[in-house]
């Protein structure tokens, strides 16, 4: 596997020897001193180019980066909406190479770069042939730190957690596994993960990032809470799902109460008690039942 020095030299060599590429900068985890360093880190690179279309139409120049295992063009393969390649101001190539390295390369016109450059504080300039890159501060992940919740946001997530729990319950009772799983992951877990993030924010004075999709939760949750979080994942068995649901409810309850106490919010205990009782009743409901209660 080519190391960072080799990869960066290759990325810059390609840019220096192509007159169409006028500047280069990097963002993402490799610019973040707080991000763990490992072999799976991408190279998030931006080439500022005179125009994107020639790079899109003839992709042979990409071979210089190495042998591809797979590539995605998200602007072309965007859920069935194919990008118009005429006058495109931004275009991306996501490349995984056979040696395990990955480059997420985005092409931007100068005009598009000027719109976006200072928006991402995790940015490091690498090459500027024409002095077109604006001055920028040292990279910081401050934009990715947990944000304090408003009362309205806290109330919305706590209400949605308990409201949507009924949908998970009925999905299990109806033997609608995909519905039950998706409803749990997209509503109850979404609310739980927000509560976990806010709780972590309180413990760290809102100075850290829990990572994309909560990937750093384990680093910040104490062992008992992390053990509970692990148990919120279940297999496809309904009994296992029920167990995970009640663990999820318990963890959500504990964290949400602590978050409420910190911000002087009100935890909806009545909703909690009513829906916990409802979940227990549905769990014990016979498959042939004609009445919920």
C-alpha atoms as a PDB file:
ATOM      1  CA  UNK A   1       0.000   0.000   0.000  1.00  0.00           C
ATOM      2  CA  UNK A   2       1.501   3.331  -1.053  1.00  0.00           C
ATOM      3  CA  UNK A   3       2.182   5.562   1.945  1.00  0.00           C
ATOM      4  CA  UNK A   4       1.015   9.137   2.490  1.00  0.00           C
ATOM      5  CA  UNK A   5       4.235  10.672   1.150  1.00  0.00           C
ATOM      6  CA  UNK A   6       3.976   8.754  -2.119  1.00  0.00           C
ATOM      7  CA  UNK A   7       0.288   9.543  -2.534  1.00  0.00           C
ATOM      8  CA  UNK A   8       0.689  13.260  -1.870  1.00  0.00           C
ATOM      9  CA  UNK A   9       3.618  13.488  -4.269  1.00  0.00           C
ATOM     10  CA  UNK A  10       1.527  11.752  -6.938  1.00  0.00           C
ATOM     11  CA  UNK A  11      -1.460  14.048  -6.369  1.00  0.00           C
ATOM     12  CA  UNK A  12       0.710  17.165  -6.620  1.00  0.00           C
ATOM     13  CA  UNK A  13       2.819  15.844  -9.516  1.00  0.00           C
ATOM     14  CA  UNK A  14      -0.342  15.306 -11.560  1.00  0.00           C
ATOM     15  CA  UNK A  15      -1.499  18.854 -10.835  1.00  0.00           C
ATOM     16  CA  UNK A  16       1.856  20.504 -11.514  1.00  0.00           C
ATOM     17  CA  UNK A  17       2.176  18.831 -14.900  1.00  0.00           C
ATOM     18  CA  UNK A  18      -1.319  19.620 -16.145  1.00  0.00           C
ATOM     19  CA  UNK A  19      -1.785  23.232 -17.221  1.00  0.00           C
ATOM     20  CA  UNK A  20      -5.543  22.876 -16.871  1.00  0.00           C
ATOM     21  CA  UNK A  21      -5.181  22.414 -13.089  1.00  0.00           C
ATOM     22  CA  UNK A  22      -4.509  25.782 -11.431  1.00  0.00           C
ATOM     23  CA  UNK A  23      -4.727  25.030  -7.717  1.00  0.00           C
ATOM     24  CA  UNK A  24      -5.008  22.146  -5.289  1.00  0.00           C
ATOM     25  CA  UNK A  25      -6.277  21.887  -1.732  1.00  0.00           C
ATOM     26  CA  UNK A  26      -7.240  19.158   0.692  1.00  0.00           C
ATOM     27  CA  UNK A  27      -9.987  18.799   3.253  1.00  0.00           C
ATOM     28  CA  UNK A  28     -11.466  15.947   5.269  1.00  0.00           C
ATOM     29  CA  UNK A  29      -9.983  13.839   8.052  1.00  0.00           C
ATOM     30  CA  UNK A  30      -6.370  14.173   6.923  1.00  0.00           C
ATOM     31  CA  UNK A  31      -6.521  17.892   7.720  1.00  0.00           C
ATOM     32  CA  UNK A  32      -8.039  17.275  11.158  1.00  0.00           C
ATOM     33  CA  UNK A  33      -5.468  16.837  13.918  1.00  0.00           C
ATOM     34  CA  UNK A  34      -8.182  15.384  16.168  1.00  0.00           C
ATOM     35  CA  UNK A  35      -9.139  12.593  13.767  1.00  0.00           C
ATOM     36  CA  UNK A  36      -7.612   9.141  14.328  1.00  0.00           C
ATOM     37  CA  UNK A  37      -4.980   8.219  11.743  1.00  0.00           C
ATOM     38  CA  UNK A  38      -5.352   4.843  10.068  1.00  0.00           C
ATOM     39  CA  UNK A  39      -4.975   2.989   6.775  1.00  0.00           C
ATOM     40  CA  UNK A  40      -8.560   3.711   5.663  1.00  0.00           C
ATOM     41  CA  UNK A  41      -8.324   7.491   5.636  1.00  0.00           C
ATOM     42  CA  UNK A  42      -9.302   8.970   2.283  1.00  0.00           C
ATOM     43  CA  UNK A  43      -7.412  11.661   0.432  1.00  0.00           C
ATOM     44  CA  UNK A  44     -10.079  14.362   0.021  1.00  0.00           C
ATOM     45  CA  UNK A  45      -8.588  16.456  -2.758  1.00  0.00           C
ATOM     46  CA  UNK A  46      -9.896  19.386  -4.798  1.00  0.00           C
ATOM     47  CA  UNK A  47      -8.427  20.376  -8.141  1.00  0.00           C
ATOM     48  CA  UNK A  48      -9.336  23.893  -9.274  1.00  0.00           C
ATOM     49  CA  UNK A  49      -9.461  23.683 -13.056  1.00  0.00           C
ATOM     50  CA  UNK A  50      -9.983  25.968 -16.025  1.00  0.00           C
ATOM     51  CA  UNK A  51     -13.011  23.886 -17.008  1.00  0.00           C
ATOM     52  CA  UNK A  52     -14.320  20.513 -15.932  1.00  0.00           C
ATOM     53  CA  UNK A  53     -15.731  19.114 -19.148  1.00  0.00           C
ATOM     54  CA  UNK A  54     -12.445  17.888 -20.742  1.00  0.00           C
ATOM     55  CA  UNK A  55     -11.594  15.947 -17.562  1.00  0.00           C
ATOM     56  CA  UNK A  56     -15.052  14.346 -17.569  1.00  0.00           C
ATOM     57  CA  UNK A  57     -15.167  13.392 -21.233  1.00  0.00           C
ATOM     58  CA  UNK A  58     -11.692  11.819 -21.349  1.00  0.00           C
ATOM     59  CA  UNK A  59     -10.900  10.019 -18.117  1.00  0.00           C
ATOM     60  CA  UNK A  60      -7.611   8.446 -19.197  1.00  0.00           C
ATOM     61  CA  UNK A  61      -5.737  10.970 -17.003  1.00  0.00           C
ATOM     62  CA  UNK A  62      -7.092   9.169 -13.949  1.00  0.00           C
ATOM     63  CA  UNK A  63      -4.893   6.150 -14.722  1.00  0.00           C
ATOM     64  CA  UNK A  64      -1.909   8.064 -13.365  1.00  0.00           C
ATOM     65  CA  UNK A  65      -3.262   7.621  -9.842  1.00  0.00           C
ATOM     66  CA  UNK A  66      -3.020   3.829  -9.988  1.00  0.00           C
ATOM     67  CA  UNK A  67      -4.985   0.701 -10.799  1.00  0.00           C
ATOM     68  CA  UNK A  68      -8.634   1.128  -9.917  1.00  0.00           C
ATOM     69  CA  UNK A  69     -10.640  -1.440  -8.015  1.00  0.00           C
ATOM     70  CA  UNK A  70     -13.833   0.589  -8.396  1.00  0.00           C
ATOM     71  CA  UNK A  71     -14.833   4.180  -9.102  1.00  0.00           C
ATOM     72  CA  UNK A  72     -17.970   6.184  -8.506  1.00  0.00           C
ATOM     73  CA  UNK A  73     -18.989   9.411 -10.192  1.00  0.00           C
ATOM     74  CA  UNK A  74     -21.670  10.673  -7.779  1.00  0.00           C
ATOM     75  CA  UNK A  75     -22.636  13.586 -10.019  1.00  0.00           C
ATOM     76  CA  UNK A  76     -23.343  11.150 -12.835  1.00  0.00           C
ATOM     77  CA  UNK A  77     -24.834   8.343 -10.773  1.00  0.00           C
ATOM     78  CA  UNK A  78     -27.046  10.488  -8.566  1.00  0.00           C
ATOM     79  CA  UNK A  79     -30.025   8.219  -7.894  1.00  0.00           C
ATOM     80  CA  UNK A  80     -30.865   8.060 -11.564  1.00  0.00           C
ATOM     81  CA  UNK A  81     -30.434  11.782 -12.267  1.00  0.00           C
ATOM     82  CA  UNK A  82     -27.570  12.007 -14.728  1.00  0.00           C
ATOM     83  CA  UNK A  83     -25.577  15.219 -14.552  1.00  0.00           C
ATOM     84  CA  UNK A  84     -25.458  17.518 -17.530  1.00  0.00           C
ATOM     85  CA  UNK A  85     -21.784  17.601 -18.503  1.00  0.00           C
ATOM     86  CA  UNK A  86     -21.985  20.933 -20.261  1.00  0.00           C
ATOM     87  CA  UNK A  87     -20.731  23.840 -18.132  1.00  0.00           C
ATOM     88  CA  UNK A  88     -20.491  21.732 -14.977  1.00  0.00           C
ATOM     89  CA  UNK A  89     -18.800  23.783 -12.253  1.00  0.00           C
ATOM     90  CA  UNK A  90     -18.255  20.870  -9.872  1.00  0.00           C
ATOM     91  CA  UNK A  91     -17.639  17.197 -10.552  1.00  0.00           C
ATOM     92  CA  UNK A  92     -16.351  14.340  -8.425  1.00  0.00           C
ATOM     93  CA  UNK A  93     -14.458  11.081  -8.850  1.00  0.00           C
ATOM     94  CA  UNK A  94     -14.403   8.682  -5.895  1.00  0.00           C
ATOM     95  CA  UNK A  95     -11.619   6.177  -6.508  1.00  0.00           C
ATOM     96  CA  UNK A  96     -10.604   3.041  -4.618  1.00  0.00           C
ATOM     97  CA  UNK A  97      -7.324   1.574  -5.847  1.00  0.00           C
ATOM     98  CA  UNK A  98      -6.125  -2.023  -5.782  1.00  0.00           C
ATOM     99  CA  UNK A  99      -3.520  -1.202  -3.130  1.00  0.00           C
ATOM    100  CA  UNK A 100      -6.254  -0.026  -0.740  1.00  0.00           C
ATOM    101  CA  UNK A 101      -5.764   3.721  -1.099  1.00  0.00           C
ATOM    102  CA  UNK A 102      -8.764   5.927  -1.815  1.00  0.00           C
ATOM    103  CA  UNK A 103      -8.893   9.391  -3.360  1.00  0.00           C
ATOM    104  CA  UNK A 104     -12.057  11.448  -3.288  1.00  0.00           C
ATOM    105  CA  UNK A 105     -11.231  13.960  -6.002  1.00  0.00           C
ATOM    106  CA  UNK A 106     -13.441  16.925  -6.822  1.00  0.00           C
ATOM    107  CA  UNK A 107     -12.974  19.245  -9.782  1.00  0.00           C
ATOM    108  CA  UNK A 108     -14.085  22.839  -9.310  1.00  0.00           C
ATOM    109  CA  UNK A 109     -13.980  25.838 -11.571  1.00  0.00           C
ATOM    110  CA  UNK A 110     -12.364  28.942 -10.093  1.00  0.00           C
ATOM    111  CA  UNK A 111     -15.769  30.570  -9.683  1.00  0.00           C
ATOM    112  CA  UNK A 112     -17.171  27.572  -7.824  1.00  0.00           C
ATOM    113  CA  UNK A 113     -14.075  27.347  -5.642  1.00  0.00           C
ATOM    114  CA  UNK A 114     -14.493  30.975  -4.566  1.00  0.00           C
ATOM    115  CA  UNK A 115     -18.033  30.151  -3.449  1.00  0.00           C
ATOM    116  CA  UNK A 116     -17.005  27.128  -1.381  1.00  0.00           C
ATOM    117  CA  UNK A 117     -13.397  27.491  -0.271  1.00  0.00           C
ATOM    118  CA  UNK A 118     -13.864  29.229   3.065  1.00  0.00           C
ATOM    119  CA  UNK A 119     -17.010  27.311   4.043  1.00  0.00           C
ATOM    120  CA  UNK A 120     -15.103  24.207   5.160  1.00  0.00           C
ATOM    121  CA  UNK A 121     -12.719  25.064   8.000  1.00  0.00           C
ATOM    122  CA  UNK A 122     -10.948  21.709   7.540  1.00  0.00           C
ATOM    123  CA  UNK A 123      -9.032  22.930   4.497  1.00  0.00           C
ATOM    124  CA  UNK A 124      -5.314  23.046   3.672  1.00  0.00           C
ATOM    125  CA  UNK A 125      -3.989  24.676   0.463  1.00  0.00           C
ATOM    126  CA  UNK A 126      -1.431  22.517  -1.357  1.00  0.00           C
ATOM    127  CA  UNK A 127      -0.708  24.279  -4.645  1.00  0.00           C
ATOM    128  CA  UNK A 128      -1.673  27.663  -6.083  1.00  0.00           C
ATOM    129  CA  UNK A 129      -0.222  28.491  -9.484  1.00  0.00           C
ATOM    130  CA  UNK A 130      -2.041  31.830  -9.838  1.00  0.00           C
ATOM    131  CA  UNK A 131      -2.556  32.967  -6.234  1.00  0.00           C
ATOM    132  CA  UNK A 132      -6.288  32.418  -6.571  1.00  0.00           C
ATOM    133  CA  UNK A 133      -6.922  30.620  -3.276  1.00  0.00           C
ATOM    134  CA  UNK A 134      -8.193  33.028  -0.596  1.00  0.00           C
ATOM    135  CA  UNK A 135      -6.307  33.280   2.678  1.00  0.00           C
ATOM    136  CA  UNK A 136      -7.643  30.813   5.218  1.00  0.00           C
ATOM    137  CA  UNK A 137      -7.026  30.084   8.900  1.00  0.00           C
ATOM    138  CA  UNK A 138      -5.396  26.919  10.184  1.00  0.00           C
ATOM    139  CA  UNK A 139      -7.736  23.918   9.834  1.00  0.00           C
ATOM    140  CA  UNK A 140     -10.144  23.272  12.703  1.00  0.00           C
ATOM    141  CA  UNK A 141     -13.019  20.849  13.205  1.00  0.00           C
ATOM    142  CA  UNK A 142     -15.074  23.403  15.133  1.00  0.00           C
ATOM    143  CA  UNK A 143     -17.904  23.220  12.572  1.00  0.00           C
ATOM    144  CA  UNK A 144     -18.293  19.520  13.371  1.00  0.00           C
ATOM    145  CA  UNK A 145     -18.556  19.928  17.140  1.00  0.00           C
ATOM    146  CA  UNK A 146     -21.823  18.950  18.797  1.00  0.00           C
ATOM    147  CA  UNK A 147     -24.223  21.879  18.817  1.00  0.00           C
ATOM    148  CA  UNK A 148     -26.348  22.693  21.849  1.00  0.00           C
ATOM    149  CA  UNK A 149     -29.996  21.757  21.318  1.00  0.00           C
ATOM    150  CA  UNK A 150     -32.756  24.311  21.454  1.00  0.00           C
ATOM    151  CA  UNK A 151     -35.772  23.497  23.590  1.00  0.00           C
ATOM    152  CA  UNK A 152     -37.836  23.033  20.429  1.00  0.00           C
ATOM    153  CA  UNK A 153     -35.336  20.549  19.008  1.00  0.00           C
ATOM    154  CA  UNK A 154     -35.122  18.619  22.268  1.00  0.00           C
ATOM    155  CA  UNK A 155     -38.911  18.475  22.544  1.00  0.00           C
ATOM    156  CA  UNK A 156     -39.238  17.420  18.915  1.00  0.00           C
ATOM    157  CA  UNK A 157     -36.828  14.512  19.191  1.00  0.00           C
ATOM    158  CA  UNK A 158     -38.194  13.231  22.507  1.00  0.00           C
ATOM    159  CA  UNK A 159     -41.739  13.348  21.157  1.00  0.00           C
ATOM    160  CA  UNK A 160     -40.762  11.670  17.898  1.00  0.00           C
ATOM    161  CA  UNK A 161     -38.902   8.914  19.743  1.00  0.00           C
ATOM    162  CA  UNK A 162     -41.918   7.882  21.783  1.00  0.00           C
ATOM    163  CA  UNK A 163     -44.469   8.510  19.033  1.00  0.00           C
ATOM    164  CA  UNK A 164     -42.642   6.377  16.468  1.00  0.00           C
ATOM    165  CA  UNK A 165     -42.093   3.525  18.902  1.00  0.00           C
ATOM    166  CA  UNK A 166     -45.674   2.454  18.208  1.00  0.00           C
ATOM    167  CA  UNK A 167     -44.852   1.996  14.531  1.00  0.00           C
ATOM    168  CA  UNK A 168     -41.968  -0.305  15.386  1.00  0.00           C
ATOM    169  CA  UNK A 169     -44.245  -2.314  17.674  1.00  0.00           C
ATOM    170  CA  UNK A 170     -46.991  -2.782  15.117  1.00  0.00           C
ATOM    171  CA  UNK A 171     -44.434  -3.705  12.455  1.00  0.00           C
ATOM    172  CA  UNK A 172     -43.220  -6.544  14.652  1.00  0.00           C
ATOM    173  CA  UNK A 173     -46.734  -7.702  15.492  1.00  0.00           C
ATOM    174  CA  UNK A 174     -47.697  -7.697  11.807  1.00  0.00           C
ATOM    175  CA  UNK A 175     -44.541  -9.664  10.926  1.00  0.00           C
ATOM    176  CA  UNK A 176     -43.371  -6.807   8.707  1.00  0.00           C
ATOM    177  CA  UNK A 177     -39.665  -7.089   9.368  1.00  0.00           C
ATOM    178  CA  UNK A 178     -38.367  -4.487   6.845  1.00  0.00           C
ATOM    179  CA  UNK A 179     -40.899  -1.919   8.056  1.00  0.00           C
ATOM    180  CA  UNK A 180     -40.147  -2.549  11.730  1.00  0.00           C
ATOM    181  CA  UNK A 181     -36.373  -2.424  11.210  1.00  0.00           C
ATOM    182  CA  UNK A 182     -36.443   0.713   9.090  1.00  0.00           C
ATOM    183  CA  UNK A 183     -38.852   2.487  11.410  1.00  0.00           C
ATOM    184  CA  UNK A 184     -36.597   1.692  14.351  1.00  0.00           C
ATOM    185  CA  UNK A 185     -33.377   2.784  12.650  1.00  0.00           C
ATOM    186  CA  UNK A 186     -34.743   5.899  10.955  1.00  0.00           C
ATOM    187  CA  UNK A 187     -36.793   7.292  13.843  1.00  0.00           C
ATOM    188  CA  UNK A 188     -35.989   5.804  17.255  1.00  0.00           C
ATOM    189  CA  UNK A 189     -32.246   5.467  16.610  1.00  0.00           C
ATOM    190  CA  UNK A 190     -32.107   8.883  14.990  1.00  0.00           C
ATOM    191  CA  UNK A 191     -33.553  10.413  18.155  1.00  0.00           C
ATOM    192  CA  UNK A 192     -31.288   8.294  20.361  1.00  0.00           C
ATOM    193  CA  UNK A 193     -28.159   9.293  18.444  1.00  0.00           C
ATOM    194  CA  UNK A 194     -29.027  12.961  18.768  1.00  0.00           C
ATOM    195  CA  UNK A 195     -29.514  12.506  22.506  1.00  0.00           C
ATOM    196  CA  UNK A 196     -26.176  10.667  22.766  1.00  0.00           C
ATOM    197  CA  UNK A 197     -24.467  13.525  20.910  1.00  0.00           C
ATOM    198  CA  UNK A 198     -25.994  16.173  23.179  1.00  0.00           C
ATOM    199  CA  UNK A 199     -25.010  14.192  26.257  1.00  0.00           C
ATOM    200  CA  UNK A 200     -21.445  13.943  24.956  1.00  0.00           C
ATOM    201  CA  UNK A 201     -21.520  17.660  24.237  1.00  0.00           C
ATOM    202  CA  UNK A 202     -22.404  18.393  27.846  1.00  0.00           C
ATOM    203  CA  UNK A 203     -19.533  16.245  29.132  1.00  0.00           C
ATOM    204  CA  UNK A 204     -17.022  17.940  26.815  1.00  0.00           C
ATOM    205  CA  UNK A 205     -18.316  21.527  26.939  1.00  0.00           C
ATOM    206  CA  UNK A 206     -19.385  21.090  23.311  1.00  0.00           C
ATOM    207  CA  UNK A 207     -15.759  21.059  22.138  1.00  0.00           C
ATOM    208  CA  UNK A 208     -15.651  17.706  20.313  1.00  0.00           C
ATOM    209  CA  UNK A 209     -17.178  15.942  17.352  1.00  0.00           C
ATOM    210  CA  UNK A 210     -18.876  12.550  17.866  1.00  0.00           C
ATOM    211  CA  UNK A 211     -17.948  11.735  14.257  1.00  0.00           C
ATOM    212  CA  UNK A 212     -20.029  11.028  11.198  1.00  0.00           C
ATOM    213  CA  UNK A 213     -22.942   8.721  12.091  1.00  0.00           C
ATOM    214  CA  UNK A 214     -21.696   8.589  15.681  1.00  0.00           C
ATOM    215  CA  UNK A 215     -18.524   6.700  14.838  1.00  0.00           C
ATOM    216  CA  UNK A 216     -16.758   8.098  17.921  1.00  0.00           C
ATOM    217  CA  UNK A 217     -19.568   7.414  20.424  1.00  0.00           C
ATOM    218  CA  UNK A 218     -17.514   4.627  21.993  1.00  0.00           C
ATOM    219  CA  UNK A 219     -14.727   7.090  22.776  1.00  0.00           C
ATOM    220  CA  UNK A 220     -16.979   9.319  24.872  1.00  0.00           C
ATOM    221  CA  UNK A 221     -19.641   7.112  26.446  1.00  0.00           C
ATOM    222  CA  UNK A 222     -18.795   5.471  29.790  1.00  0.00           C
ATOM    223  CA  UNK A 223     -18.678   1.673  29.639  1.00  0.00           C
ATOM    224  CA  UNK A 224     -22.184   1.050  31.083  1.00  0.00           C
ATOM    225  CA  UNK A 225     -23.770   3.417  28.581  1.00  0.00           C
ATOM    226  CA  UNK A 226     -21.720   2.018  25.697  1.00  0.00           C
ATOM    227  CA  UNK A 227     -22.752  -1.517  26.659  1.00  0.00           C
ATOM    228  CA  UNK A 228     -26.392  -0.441  26.513  1.00  0.00           C
ATOM    229  CA  UNK A 229     -25.812   1.260  23.159  1.00  0.00           C
ATOM    230  CA  UNK A 230     -24.332  -1.951  21.743  1.00  0.00           C
ATOM    231  CA  UNK A 231     -27.447  -3.801  22.866  1.00  0.00           C
ATOM    232  CA  UNK A 232     -29.685  -1.469  20.861  1.00  0.00           C
ATOM    233  CA  UNK A 233     -28.630  -3.509  17.811  1.00  0.00           C
ATOM    234  CA  UNK A 234     -30.425  -6.762  17.253  1.00  0.00           C
ATOM    235  CA  UNK A 235     -30.681  -9.562  14.732  1.00  0.00           C
ATOM    236  CA  UNK A 236     -33.795 -10.366  12.702  1.00  0.00           C
ATOM    237  CA  UNK A 237     -35.471 -12.313  15.523  1.00  0.00           C
ATOM    238  CA  UNK A 238     -38.458 -10.539  16.995  1.00  0.00           C
ATOM    239  CA  UNK A 239     -37.617 -11.438  20.589  1.00  0.00           C
ATOM    240  CA  UNK A 240     -34.163 -10.005  20.064  1.00  0.00           C
ATOM    241  CA  UNK A 241     -35.711  -6.889  18.544  1.00  0.00           C
ATOM    242  CA  UNK A 242     -38.019  -6.450  21.529  1.00  0.00           C
ATOM    243  CA  UNK A 243     -35.081  -6.716  23.907  1.00  0.00           C
ATOM    244  CA  UNK A 244     -33.160  -4.094  21.941  1.00  0.00           C
ATOM    245  CA  UNK A 245     -36.193  -1.783  21.886  1.00  0.00           C
ATOM    246  CA  UNK A 246     -36.496  -1.777  25.666  1.00  0.00           C
ATOM    247  CA  UNK A 247     -32.755  -1.239  26.099  1.00  0.00           C
ATOM    248  CA  UNK A 248     -33.034   1.644  23.643  1.00  0.00           C
ATOM    249  CA  UNK A 249     -35.893   3.113  25.650  1.00  0.00           C
ATOM    250  CA  UNK A 250     -33.915   2.827  28.883  1.00  0.00           C
ATOM    251  CA  UNK A 251     -30.784   4.431  27.442  1.00  0.00           C
ATOM    252  CA  UNK A 252     -32.816   7.195  25.804  1.00  0.00           C
ATOM    253  CA  UNK A 253     -34.627   7.841  29.085  1.00  0.00           C
ATOM    254  CA  UNK A 254     -31.409   8.099  31.102  1.00  0.00           C
ATOM    255  CA  UNK A 255     -29.652  10.375  28.648  1.00  0.00           C
ATOM    256  CA  UNK A 256     -32.675  12.536  27.881  1.00  0.00           C
ATOM    257  CA  UNK A 257     -33.270  13.184  31.570  1.00  0.00           C
ATOM    258  CA  UNK A 258     -29.663  14.253  32.044  1.00  0.00           C
ATOM    259  CA  UNK A 259     -29.801  16.516  29.002  1.00  0.00           C
ATOM    260  CA  UNK A 260     -33.076  18.032  30.236  1.00  0.00           C
ATOM    261  CA  UNK A 261     -31.619  18.667  33.678  1.00  0.00           C
ATOM    262  CA  UNK A 262     -28.562  20.384  32.203  1.00  0.00           C
ATOM    263  CA  UNK A 263     -30.565  22.763  30.004  1.00  0.00           C
ATOM    264  CA  UNK A 264     -33.544  23.134  32.329  1.00  0.00           C
ATOM    265  CA  UNK A 265     -35.826  21.415  29.804  1.00  0.00           C
ATOM    266  CA  UNK A 266     -38.741  19.182  30.766  1.00  0.00           C
ATOM    267  CA  UNK A 267     -38.507  15.478  30.000  1.00  0.00           C
ATOM    268  CA  UNK A 268     -41.926  14.095  28.815  1.00  0.00           C
ATOM    269  CA  UNK A 269     -42.289  11.452  31.519  1.00  0.00           C
ATOM    270  CA  UNK A 270     -45.966  10.937  30.814  1.00  0.00           C
ATOM    271  CA  UNK A 271     -45.249  10.059  27.178  1.00  0.00           C
ATOM    272  CA  UNK A 272     -42.483   7.748  28.365  1.00  0.00           C
ATOM    273  CA  UNK A 273     -44.707   5.897  30.848  1.00  0.00           C
ATOM    274  CA  UNK A 274     -47.676   5.650  28.479  1.00  0.00           C
ATOM    275  CA  UNK A 275     -45.639   4.353  25.553  1.00  0.00           C
ATOM    276  CA  UNK A 276     -43.531   1.982  27.629  1.00  0.00           C
ATOM    277  CA  UNK A 277     -46.759   0.398  28.886  1.00  0.00           C
ATOM    278  CA  UNK A 278     -48.077   0.291  25.303  1.00  0.00           C
ATOM    279  CA  UNK A 279     -44.935  -1.443  24.033  1.00  0.00           C
ATOM    280  CA  UNK A 280     -45.181  -4.079  26.755  1.00  0.00           C
ATOM    281  CA  UNK A 281     -48.817  -4.727  25.876  1.00  0.00           C
ATOM    282  CA  UNK A 282     -48.119  -5.085  22.162  1.00  0.00           C
ATOM    283  CA  UNK A 283     -45.185  -7.375  22.864  1.00  0.00           C
ATOM    284  CA  UNK A 284     -47.521  -9.770  24.671  1.00  0.00           C
ATOM    285  CA  UNK A 285     -50.340  -9.415  22.143  1.00  0.00           C
ATOM    286  CA  UNK A 286     -51.267 -12.726  20.464  1.00  0.00           C
ATOM    287  CA  UNK A 287     -50.862 -12.869  16.683  1.00  0.00           C
ATOM    288  CA  UNK A 288     -54.583 -13.584  16.288  1.00  0.00           C
ATOM    289  CA  UNK A 289     -55.682 -10.729  18.591  1.00  0.00           C
ATOM    290  CA  UNK A 290     -58.790  -8.779  17.546  1.00  0.00           C
ATOM    291  CA  UNK A 291     -58.314  -6.024  20.078  1.00  0.00           C
ATOM    292  CA  UNK A 292     -55.109  -4.308  21.235  1.00  0.00           C
ATOM    293  CA  UNK A 293     -56.126  -4.299  24.879  1.00  0.00           C
END
